[in-house]
Amino acid sequence: MRTLGVVVIVVSFLLSGCKKDSSKDLLLDSSLLGEWELMSISNDVSMHCCEFIEFSLDENLDDFIGNYISYGPEFNTTGIFEFFEVDGTILFTHDGNYELNDIIIDGNLLNLTKQDNNGESISREYRKL
């Protein structure tokens, strides 16, 4: 009986040392990944045809950093993003420039809001494709 007790203790000790499987990227639990189409911009009433942003994973699994591409008929911007889910913000980095946005994801709708140089809020509404 004493041997069984020792075996149980040893097995428990070994199992407690096992790490959680970290082969899954932390961003996979967010609904941010994928392609989004711009539907509107708060300070611009013109129609924004064919403007998109796409979020994808990078090679690091243990962070909330990934790659993005924003493109339309007259531009193509690639960079890195860092998603701060707790704060409700996302930081875009491209060509040495940084842009911090508030972010709200509601099902297949994405809202990105930033402050322009005059301190005015600019909201961009996207829908997931």
N, C-alpha and C. Protein backbone atom coordinates (compact mmCIF):
# COMPACT_ATOMS: atom_id res chain seq x y z
N MET A 1 0.82 -1.18 0.00
CA MET A 1 0.00 0.00 0.00
C MET A 1 0.87 1.26 0.00
N ARG A 2 1.99 1.17 0.76
CA ARG A 2 2.89 2.31 0.84
C ARG A 2 3.51 2.59 -0.54
N THR A 3 3.82 1.54 -1.30
CA THR A 3 4.38 1.69 -2.63
C THR A 3 3.40 2.40 -3.56
N LEU A 4 2.13 2.05 -3.45
CA LEU A 4 1.09 2.69 -4.25
C LEU A 4 1.02 4.18 -3.93
N GLY A 5 1.13 4.55 -2.68
CA GLY A 5 1.11 5.95 -2.27
C GLY A 5 2.29 6.72 -2.86
N VAL A 6 3.46 6.09 -2.86
CA VAL A 6 4.66 6.72 -3.43
C VAL A 6 4.48 6.91 -4.93
N VAL A 7 3.95 5.90 -5.60
CA VAL A 7 3.72 5.99 -7.05
C VAL A 7 2.75 7.12 -7.36
N VAL A 8 1.67 7.22 -6.61
CA VAL A 8 0.69 8.29 -6.83
C VAL A 8 1.34 9.66 -6.65
N ILE A 9 2.16 9.81 -5.64
CA ILE A 9 2.82 11.10 -5.38
C ILE A 9 3.78 11.43 -6.52
N VAL A 10 4.57 10.45 -6.96
CA VAL A 10 5.53 10.68 -8.05
C VAL A 10 4.80 11.05 -9.34
N VAL A 11 3.74 10.33 -9.69
CA VAL A 11 2.98 10.62 -10.90
C VAL A 11 2.35 12.01 -10.81
N SER A 12 1.79 12.36 -9.66
CA SER A 12 1.20 13.69 -9.47
C SER A 12 2.25 14.78 -9.65
N PHE A 13 3.43 14.54 -9.11
CA PHE A 13 4.52 15.51 -9.23
C PHE A 13 4.91 15.68 -10.69
N LEU A 14 5.03 14.58 -11.41
CA LEU A 14 5.41 14.65 -12.82
C LEU A 14 4.36 15.35 -13.66
N LEU A 15 3.10 15.07 -13.40
CA LEU A 15 2.02 15.71 -14.16
C LEU A 15 1.91 17.20 -13.85
N SER A 16 2.20 17.59 -12.63
CA SER A 16 2.12 19.01 -12.29
C SER A 16 3.21 19.81 -12.98
N GLY A 17 4.26 19.14 -13.41
CA GLY A 17 5.34 19.82 -14.11
C GLY A 17 5.08 20.00 -15.59
N CYS A 18 4.02 19.38 -16.09
CA CYS A 18 3.71 19.51 -17.51
C CYS A 18 3.20 20.91 -17.80
N LYS A 19 3.67 21.45 -18.92
CA LYS A 19 3.23 22.78 -19.33
C LYS A 19 1.99 22.67 -20.20
N LYS A 20 1.25 23.75 -20.19
CA LYS A 20 0.10 23.86 -21.09
C LYS A 20 0.62 23.87 -22.52
N ASP A 21 -0.10 23.26 -23.43
CA ASP A 21 0.30 23.23 -24.83
C ASP A 21 0.34 24.66 -25.36
N SER A 22 1.52 25.11 -25.77
CA SER A 22 1.67 26.48 -26.26
C SER A 22 1.86 26.52 -27.76
N SER A 23 1.37 25.51 -28.45
CA SER A 23 1.51 25.47 -29.90
C SER A 23 0.41 26.26 -30.60
N LYS A 24 -0.49 26.87 -29.85
CA LYS A 24 -1.59 27.63 -30.41
C LYS A 24 -1.31 29.13 -30.22
N ASP A 25 -1.40 29.90 -31.28
CA ASP A 25 -1.15 31.34 -31.20
C ASP A 25 -2.23 32.01 -30.37
N LEU A 26 -1.83 32.92 -29.50
CA LEU A 26 -2.78 33.62 -28.64
C LEU A 26 -3.81 34.42 -29.42
N LEU A 27 -3.47 34.88 -30.62
CA LEU A 27 -4.41 35.66 -31.43
C LEU A 27 -5.57 34.82 -31.98
N LEU A 28 -5.40 33.50 -32.00
CA LEU A 28 -6.46 32.65 -32.53
C LEU A 28 -7.75 32.73 -31.72
N ASP A 29 -7.65 33.11 -30.45
CA ASP A 29 -8.85 33.22 -29.62
C ASP A 29 -9.60 34.53 -29.85
N SER A 30 -9.00 35.46 -30.55
CA SER A 30 -9.70 36.71 -30.88
C SER A 30 -10.40 36.52 -32.22
N SER A 31 -11.37 37.35 -32.51
CA SER A 31 -12.05 37.27 -33.80
C SER A 31 -11.50 38.32 -34.77
N LEU A 32 -10.32 38.83 -34.46
CA LEU A 32 -9.70 39.88 -35.28
C LEU A 32 -9.13 39.35 -36.59
N LEU A 33 -8.59 38.16 -36.58
CA LEU A 33 -7.90 37.64 -37.76
C LEU A 33 -8.83 37.51 -38.95
N GLY A 34 -8.29 37.77 -40.13
CA GLY A 34 -9.06 37.65 -41.35
C GLY A 34 -9.13 38.98 -42.10
N GLU A 35 -9.96 39.00 -43.12
CA GLU A 35 -10.09 40.17 -43.99
C GLU A 35 -11.36 40.94 -43.67
N TRP A 36 -11.22 42.27 -43.61
CA TRP A 36 -12.32 43.18 -43.28
C TRP A 36 -12.45 44.23 -44.38
N GLU A 37 -13.68 44.56 -44.75
CA GLU A 37 -13.94 45.57 -45.77
C GLU A 37 -14.44 46.85 -45.12
N LEU A 38 -13.85 47.98 -45.52
CA LEU A 38 -14.25 49.27 -44.98
C LEU A 38 -15.66 49.61 -45.45
N MET A 39 -16.51 50.00 -44.50
CA MET A 39 -17.88 50.37 -44.82
C MET A 39 -18.10 51.88 -44.72
N SER A 40 -17.45 52.53 -43.73
CA SER A 40 -17.63 53.98 -43.57
C SER A 40 -16.51 54.56 -42.73
N ILE A 41 -16.33 55.88 -42.90
CA ILE A 41 -15.41 56.66 -42.09
C ILE A 41 -16.22 57.83 -41.53
N SER A 42 -16.10 58.09 -40.23
CA SER A 42 -16.98 59.06 -39.57
C SER A 42 -16.90 60.47 -40.12
N ASN A 43 -15.75 60.92 -40.57
CA ASN A 43 -15.63 62.29 -41.05
C ASN A 43 -15.65 62.39 -42.57
N ASP A 44 -16.05 61.33 -43.26
CA ASP A 44 -16.04 61.30 -44.72
C ASP A 44 -17.30 60.57 -45.20
N VAL A 45 -18.21 61.33 -45.83
CA VAL A 45 -19.48 60.73 -46.24
C VAL A 45 -19.41 60.04 -47.60
N SER A 46 -18.29 60.17 -48.33
CA SER A 46 -18.19 59.53 -49.63
C SER A 46 -18.07 58.01 -49.46
N MET A 47 -18.46 57.30 -50.48
CA MET A 47 -18.41 55.85 -50.44
C MET A 47 -16.97 55.38 -50.60
N HIS A 48 -16.56 54.41 -49.81
CA HIS A 48 -15.20 53.88 -49.86
C HIS A 48 -15.22 52.49 -50.45
N CYS A 49 -15.26 52.45 -51.74
CA CYS A 49 -15.29 51.17 -52.42
C CYS A 49 -13.91 50.52 -52.41
N CYS A 50 -13.95 49.27 -52.09
CA CYS A 50 -12.78 48.42 -52.31
C CYS A 50 -11.58 48.76 -51.43
N GLU A 51 -11.82 49.13 -50.17
CA GLU A 51 -10.73 49.32 -49.22
C GLU A 51 -10.84 48.24 -48.15
N PHE A 52 -9.71 47.61 -47.84
CA PHE A 52 -9.70 46.45 -46.97
C PHE A 52 -8.54 46.51 -45.98
N ILE A 53 -8.67 45.75 -44.91
CA ILE A 53 -7.57 45.49 -43.99
C ILE A 53 -7.62 44.00 -43.65
N GLU A 54 -6.45 43.38 -43.64
CA GLU A 54 -6.38 41.95 -43.35
C GLU A 54 -5.36 41.72 -42.24
N PHE A 55 -5.78 40.99 -41.21
CA PHE A 55 -4.93 40.66 -40.07
C PHE A 55 -4.53 39.19 -40.15
N SER A 56 -3.24 38.92 -39.94
CA SER A 56 -2.75 37.54 -39.99
C SER A 56 -1.74 37.31 -38.87
N LEU A 57 -1.46 36.04 -38.63
CA LEU A 57 -0.51 35.64 -37.58
C LEU A 57 0.92 35.90 -38.01
N ASP A 58 1.80 36.08 -37.03
CA ASP A 58 3.23 36.09 -37.30
C ASP A 58 3.81 34.77 -36.80
N GLU A 59 5.13 34.67 -36.75
CA GLU A 59 5.75 33.41 -36.36
C GLU A 59 5.78 33.19 -34.85
N ASN A 60 5.53 34.21 -34.05
CA ASN A 60 5.55 34.07 -32.59
C ASN A 60 4.17 33.68 -32.07
N LEU A 61 4.13 32.63 -31.26
CA LEU A 61 2.85 32.12 -30.77
C LEU A 61 2.44 32.74 -29.44
N ASP A 62 3.38 33.26 -28.68
CA ASP A 62 3.09 33.64 -27.31
C ASP A 62 2.88 35.14 -27.11
N ASP A 63 2.34 35.80 -28.13
CA ASP A 63 2.07 37.23 -28.00
C ASP A 63 0.80 37.59 -28.78
N PHE A 64 0.43 38.83 -28.72
CA PHE A 64 -0.74 39.33 -29.45
C PHE A 64 -0.30 40.24 -30.58
N ILE A 65 0.80 39.88 -31.21
CA ILE A 65 1.37 40.64 -32.32
C ILE A 65 1.19 39.84 -33.59
N GLY A 66 0.84 40.53 -34.67
CA GLY A 66 0.68 39.87 -35.95
C GLY A 66 1.01 40.83 -37.08
N ASN A 67 0.69 40.42 -38.29
CA ASN A 67 0.93 41.22 -39.48
C ASN A 67 -0.39 41.73 -40.03
N TYR A 68 -0.33 42.87 -40.70
CA TYR A 68 -1.54 43.36 -41.37
C TYR A 68 -1.16 43.95 -42.72
N ILE A 69 -2.14 43.98 -43.58
CA ILE A 69 -2.04 44.67 -44.85
C ILE A 69 -3.32 45.46 -45.03
N SER A 70 -3.18 46.71 -45.36
CA SER A 70 -4.31 47.59 -45.63
C SER A 70 -4.17 48.03 -47.08
N TYR A 71 -5.21 47.84 -47.86
CA TYR A 71 -5.07 48.12 -49.29
C TYR A 71 -6.37 48.60 -49.90
N GLY A 72 -6.20 49.30 -51.00
CA GLY A 72 -7.32 49.82 -51.78
C GLY A 72 -6.81 50.18 -53.16
N PRO A 73 -7.66 50.85 -53.96
CA PRO A 73 -7.26 51.17 -55.33
C PRO A 73 -6.00 52.04 -55.42
N GLU A 74 -5.76 52.89 -54.41
CA GLU A 74 -4.64 53.83 -54.51
C GLU A 74 -3.56 53.65 -53.45
N PHE A 75 -3.61 52.57 -52.68
CA PHE A 75 -2.61 52.38 -51.63
C PHE A 75 -2.46 50.91 -51.27
N ASN A 76 -1.33 50.61 -50.67
CA ASN A 76 -1.04 49.27 -50.16
C ASN A 76 -0.05 49.43 -49.01
N THR A 77 -0.50 49.23 -47.78
CA THR A 77 0.33 49.41 -46.60
C THR A 77 0.45 48.09 -45.87
N THR A 78 1.67 47.69 -45.57
CA THR A 78 1.89 46.49 -44.78
C THR A 78 2.62 46.88 -43.50
N GLY A 79 2.37 46.12 -42.45
CA GLY A 79 3.02 46.42 -41.19
C GLY A 79 2.72 45.38 -40.14
N ILE A 80 2.94 45.78 -38.91
CA ILE A 80 2.76 44.92 -37.75
C ILE A 80 1.71 45.55 -36.85
N PHE A 81 0.92 44.72 -36.20
CA PHE A 81 -0.04 45.23 -35.22
C PHE A 81 0.18 44.51 -33.90
N GLU A 82 -0.19 45.20 -32.82
CA GLU A 82 -0.21 44.58 -31.50
C GLU A 82 -1.59 44.84 -30.91
N PHE A 83 -2.29 43.78 -30.57
CA PHE A 83 -3.67 43.83 -30.08
C PHE A 83 -3.66 43.78 -28.57
N PHE A 84 -4.19 44.83 -27.94
CA PHE A 84 -4.30 44.90 -26.49
C PHE A 84 -5.78 44.70 -26.13
N GLU A 85 -6.20 43.46 -26.06
CA GLU A 85 -7.60 43.13 -25.87
C GLU A 85 -8.16 43.69 -24.58
N VAL A 86 -7.38 43.65 -23.51
CA VAL A 86 -7.84 44.15 -22.21
C VAL A 86 -8.11 45.65 -22.25
N ASP A 87 -7.23 46.39 -22.92
CA ASP A 87 -7.38 47.85 -23.04
C ASP A 87 -8.36 48.25 -24.13
N GLY A 88 -8.65 47.34 -25.04
CA GLY A 88 -9.50 47.67 -26.18
C GLY A 88 -8.78 48.58 -27.16
N THR A 89 -7.47 48.33 -27.35
CA THR A 89 -6.69 49.13 -28.30
C THR A 89 -5.88 48.22 -29.21
N ILE A 90 -5.45 48.81 -30.31
CA ILE A 90 -4.57 48.12 -31.26
C ILE A 90 -3.55 49.14 -31.75
N LEU A 91 -2.29 48.72 -31.79
CA LEU A 91 -1.21 49.59 -32.23
C LEU A 91 -0.71 49.09 -33.58
N PHE A 92 -0.79 49.96 -34.58
CA PHE A 92 -0.28 49.65 -35.92
C PHE A 92 1.11 50.27 -36.06
N THR A 93 2.03 49.51 -36.64
CA THR A 93 3.39 50.00 -36.92
C THR A 93 3.68 49.74 -38.38
N HIS A 94 4.07 50.79 -39.11
CA HIS A 94 4.46 50.63 -40.51
C HIS A 94 5.41 51.75 -40.90
N ASP A 95 6.48 51.38 -41.57
CA ASP A 95 7.48 52.34 -42.06
C ASP A 95 7.94 53.31 -40.97
N GLY A 96 8.11 52.84 -39.75
CA GLY A 96 8.57 53.68 -38.66
C GLY A 96 7.50 54.57 -38.05
N ASN A 97 6.26 54.46 -38.52
CA ASN A 97 5.14 55.24 -37.99
C ASN A 97 4.30 54.35 -37.07
N TYR A 98 3.71 54.98 -36.07
CA TYR A 98 2.86 54.27 -35.12
C TYR A 98 1.48 54.92 -35.12
N GLU A 99 0.45 54.10 -35.00
CA GLU A 99 -0.92 54.60 -34.93
C GLU A 99 -1.69 53.77 -33.92
N LEU A 100 -2.13 54.42 -32.84
CA LEU A 100 -2.91 53.74 -31.80
C LEU A 100 -4.39 53.98 -32.06
N ASN A 101 -5.17 52.90 -32.05
CA ASN A 101 -6.61 52.97 -32.27
C ASN A 101 -7.34 52.28 -31.13
N ASP A 102 -8.51 52.81 -30.78
CA ASP A 102 -9.44 52.04 -29.96
C ASP A 102 -10.06 51.02 -30.89
N ILE A 103 -10.37 49.84 -30.36
CA ILE A 103 -10.92 48.78 -31.20
C ILE A 103 -12.11 48.14 -30.51
N ILE A 104 -13.16 47.95 -31.30
CA ILE A 104 -14.34 47.22 -30.84
C ILE A 104 -14.66 46.18 -31.92
N ILE A 105 -14.76 44.93 -31.51
CA ILE A 105 -15.17 43.86 -32.41
C ILE A 105 -16.50 43.34 -31.90
N ASP A 106 -17.50 43.42 -32.75
CA ASP A 106 -18.85 42.97 -32.39
C ASP A 106 -19.34 42.03 -33.49
N GLY A 107 -19.09 40.75 -33.30
CA GLY A 107 -19.48 39.77 -34.32
C GLY A 107 -18.66 39.99 -35.58
N ASN A 108 -19.34 40.30 -36.68
CA ASN A 108 -18.63 40.52 -37.93
C ASN A 108 -18.41 42.01 -38.22
N LEU A 109 -18.51 42.85 -37.19
CA LEU A 109 -18.26 44.28 -37.34
C LEU A 109 -17.03 44.69 -36.53
N LEU A 110 -16.23 45.55 -37.12
CA LEU A 110 -15.00 46.06 -36.51
C LEU A 110 -15.03 47.57 -36.56
N ASN A 111 -14.77 48.20 -35.41
CA ASN A 111 -14.68 49.65 -35.35
C ASN A 111 -13.29 50.02 -34.86
N LEU A 112 -12.59 50.84 -35.65
CA LEU A 112 -11.29 51.38 -35.28
C LEU A 112 -11.43 52.88 -35.15
N THR A 113 -11.06 53.44 -34.00
CA THR A 113 -11.18 54.88 -33.76
C THR A 113 -9.83 55.43 -33.34
N LYS A 114 -9.41 56.50 -34.00
CA LYS A 114 -8.15 57.15 -33.66
C LYS A 114 -8.37 58.65 -33.54
N GLN A 115 -7.40 59.33 -32.96
CA GLN A 115 -7.41 60.78 -32.86
C GLN A 115 -6.55 61.34 -33.98
N ASP A 116 -7.08 62.33 -34.73
CA ASP A 116 -6.25 62.96 -35.75
C ASP A 116 -5.37 64.02 -35.11
N ASN A 117 -4.60 64.74 -35.90
CA ASN A 117 -3.67 65.75 -35.39
C ASN A 117 -4.37 66.91 -34.68
N ASN A 118 -5.65 67.12 -34.97
CA ASN A 118 -6.43 68.18 -34.33
C ASN A 118 -7.18 67.69 -33.09
N GLY A 119 -6.98 66.42 -32.72
CA GLY A 119 -7.65 65.86 -31.56
C GLY A 119 -9.06 65.37 -31.82
N GLU A 120 -9.47 65.36 -33.08
CA GLU A 120 -10.81 64.87 -33.43
C GLU A 120 -10.77 63.35 -33.61
N SER A 121 -11.84 62.69 -33.20
CA SER A 121 -11.95 61.24 -33.36
C SER A 121 -12.38 60.89 -34.77
N ILE A 122 -11.72 59.92 -35.33
CA ILE A 122 -12.08 59.40 -36.65
C ILE A 122 -12.35 57.91 -36.47
N SER A 123 -13.57 57.50 -36.76
CA SER A 123 -13.96 56.09 -36.65
C SER A 123 -14.09 55.48 -38.04
N ARG A 124 -13.56 54.28 -38.15
CA ARG A 124 -13.69 53.51 -39.39
C ARG A 124 -14.44 52.23 -39.06
N GLU A 125 -15.50 51.97 -39.79
CA GLU A 125 -16.33 50.78 -39.61
C GLU A 125 -16.02 49.77 -40.73
N TYR A 126 -15.76 48.54 -40.32
CA TYR A 126 -15.47 47.45 -41.25
C TYR A 126 -16.46 46.31 -41.01
N ARG A 127 -16.62 45.50 -42.04
CA ARG A 127 -17.36 44.24 -41.86
C ARG A 127 -16.46 43.12 -42.34
N LYS A 128 -16.57 41.98 -41.65
CA LYS A 128 -15.72 40.83 -41.94
C LYS A 128 -16.19 40.12 -43.20
N LEU A 129 -15.25 39.74 -44.02
CA LEU A 129 -15.58 39.01 -45.25
C LEU A 129 -15.53 37.51 -45.02
